[in-house]
Amino acid sequence: MSWMELLISAVAATNKAKVASDLGVSRTAISLVVSGKYPAKTDKIATKVIETYGRVTCPHLRVEISLSECKTYHTGQVPTSSPRAMKHWRACQTCPNNQARRP
């Protein structure tokens, strides 16, 4: 699914104001992007949409999670107080979904 399809489905599921709040941009920006009239580059908005609404299946948890949640797991500090969290963190370091490992 493209970032634009993710954005349109997020707007359809809620509303432009909620999506704008989730992405940290104005409602007007969302409205312009969806209508194809945004006057500037959409690279930053596309990245935010993918990170916020993009989904990936976590091999460790065996459930779908957002890309931003995935990023939080593999870029976080080494969890030394919980064996379960440490196991998850270690799995994230070699996971194919780990964006830091991609060329």
Protein backbone atom coordinates (compact mmCIF):
# COMPACT_ATOMS: atom_id res chain seq x y z
CA MET A 1 0.00 0.00 0.00
CA SER A 2 1.41 3.41 -0.94
CA TRP A 3 1.76 6.24 1.54
CA MET A 4 -1.06 8.12 -0.20
CA GLU A 5 -3.38 5.12 0.15
CA LEU A 6 -2.44 4.90 3.84
CA LEU A 7 -3.20 8.60 4.27
CA ILE A 8 -6.55 8.43 2.48
CA SER A 9 -7.65 5.37 4.47
CA ALA A 10 -6.60 7.05 7.74
CA VAL A 11 -8.65 10.13 6.84
CA ALA A 12 -11.61 7.93 5.87
CA ALA A 13 -11.37 6.00 9.15
CA THR A 14 -11.27 9.14 11.31
CA ASN A 15 -11.03 12.69 9.97
CA LYS A 16 -8.45 15.16 8.66
CA ALA A 17 -8.00 16.88 12.02
CA LYS A 18 -7.18 13.60 13.80
CA VAL A 19 -4.75 12.53 11.07
CA ALA A 20 -3.10 15.96 11.11
CA SER A 21 -2.71 15.72 14.88
CA ASP A 22 -1.24 12.21 14.61
CA LEU A 23 1.28 13.39 12.02
CA GLY A 24 2.11 16.72 13.65
CA VAL A 25 1.03 18.82 10.68
CA SER A 26 -1.87 21.16 10.00
CA ARG A 27 -5.31 20.03 8.92
CA THR A 28 -4.94 22.28 5.90
CA ALA A 29 -1.78 20.44 4.84
CA ILE A 30 -3.62 17.11 5.01
CA SER A 31 -6.52 18.51 3.02
CA LEU A 32 -4.20 19.84 0.32
CA VAL A 33 -2.18 16.62 0.10
CA VAL A 34 -5.30 14.45 -0.18
CA SER A 35 -6.75 16.70 -2.89
CA GLY A 36 -3.45 16.74 -4.81
CA LYS A 37 -3.00 20.49 -4.42
CA TYR A 38 -0.14 20.59 -1.89
CA PRO A 39 2.30 23.20 -3.27
CA ALA A 40 5.50 21.84 -1.71
CA LYS A 41 7.34 18.52 -1.67
CA THR A 42 5.46 15.77 0.15
CA ASP A 43 8.54 13.77 1.21
CA LYS A 44 8.33 14.66 4.90
CA ILE A 45 4.60 14.03 5.08
CA ALA A 46 5.02 10.73 3.24
CA THR A 47 7.65 9.62 5.75
CA LYS A 48 5.40 10.55 8.68
CA VAL A 49 2.44 8.73 7.13
CA ILE A 50 4.46 5.56 6.58
CA GLU A 51 5.92 5.62 10.09
CA THR A 52 2.56 6.31 11.72
CA TYR A 53 0.15 4.24 9.65
CA GLY A 54 2.41 1.72 7.94
CA ARG A 55 2.18 -1.76 9.42
CA VAL A 56 4.67 -4.58 9.64
CA THR A 57 4.37 -8.07 11.10
CA CYS A 58 6.78 -8.40 14.00
CA PRO A 59 8.43 -11.85 13.82
CA HIS A 60 9.07 -11.80 17.57
CA LEU A 61 5.58 -10.74 18.70
CA ARG A 62 3.82 -12.40 15.75
CA VAL A 63 1.40 -9.49 15.45
CA GLU A 64 1.14 -6.42 13.24
CA ILE A 65 2.63 -3.26 14.72
CA SER A 66 3.18 0.23 13.35
CA LEU A 67 6.55 1.07 11.84
CA SER A 68 7.08 3.70 14.53
CA GLU A 69 6.46 1.08 17.24
CA CYS A 70 8.90 -1.26 15.46
CA LYS A 71 11.48 1.54 15.37
CA THR A 72 10.99 2.18 19.09
CA TYR A 73 11.73 -1.46 19.88
CA HIS A 74 14.95 -1.74 17.88
CA THR A 75 16.43 1.70 18.56
CA GLY A 76 15.73 1.80 22.29
CA GLN A 77 18.25 1.37 25.06
CA VAL A 78 19.26 -2.15 25.99
CA PRO A 79 16.64 -3.27 28.55
CA THR A 80 18.62 -4.77 31.42
CA SER A 81 15.82 -5.10 33.96
CA SER A 82 13.53 -7.49 32.08
CA PRO A 83 14.54 -10.80 30.49
CA ARG A 84 11.47 -10.68 28.23
CA ALA A 85 12.31 -7.16 27.01
CA MET A 86 15.95 -8.18 26.49
CA LYS A 87 14.87 -11.16 24.36
CA HIS A 88 12.67 -8.88 22.26
CA TRP A 89 15.43 -6.27 21.87
CA ARG A 90 17.92 -8.95 20.76
CA ALA A 91 15.44 -10.29 18.21
CA CYS A 92 14.99 -6.76 16.86
CA GLN A 93 18.70 -6.33 16.26
CA THR A 94 18.71 -9.03 13.56
CA CYS A 95 15.14 -8.59 12.32
CA PRO A 96 14.62 -8.01 8.58
CA ASN A 97 12.17 -5.20 9.46
CA ASN A 98 14.92 -3.26 11.27
CA GLN A 99 15.28 -0.12 9.14
CA ALA A 100 18.78 0.58 10.51
CA ARG A 101 20.06 -2.67 8.99
CA ARG A 102 18.86 -1.83 5.48
CA PRO A 103 21.38 -0.41 2.99
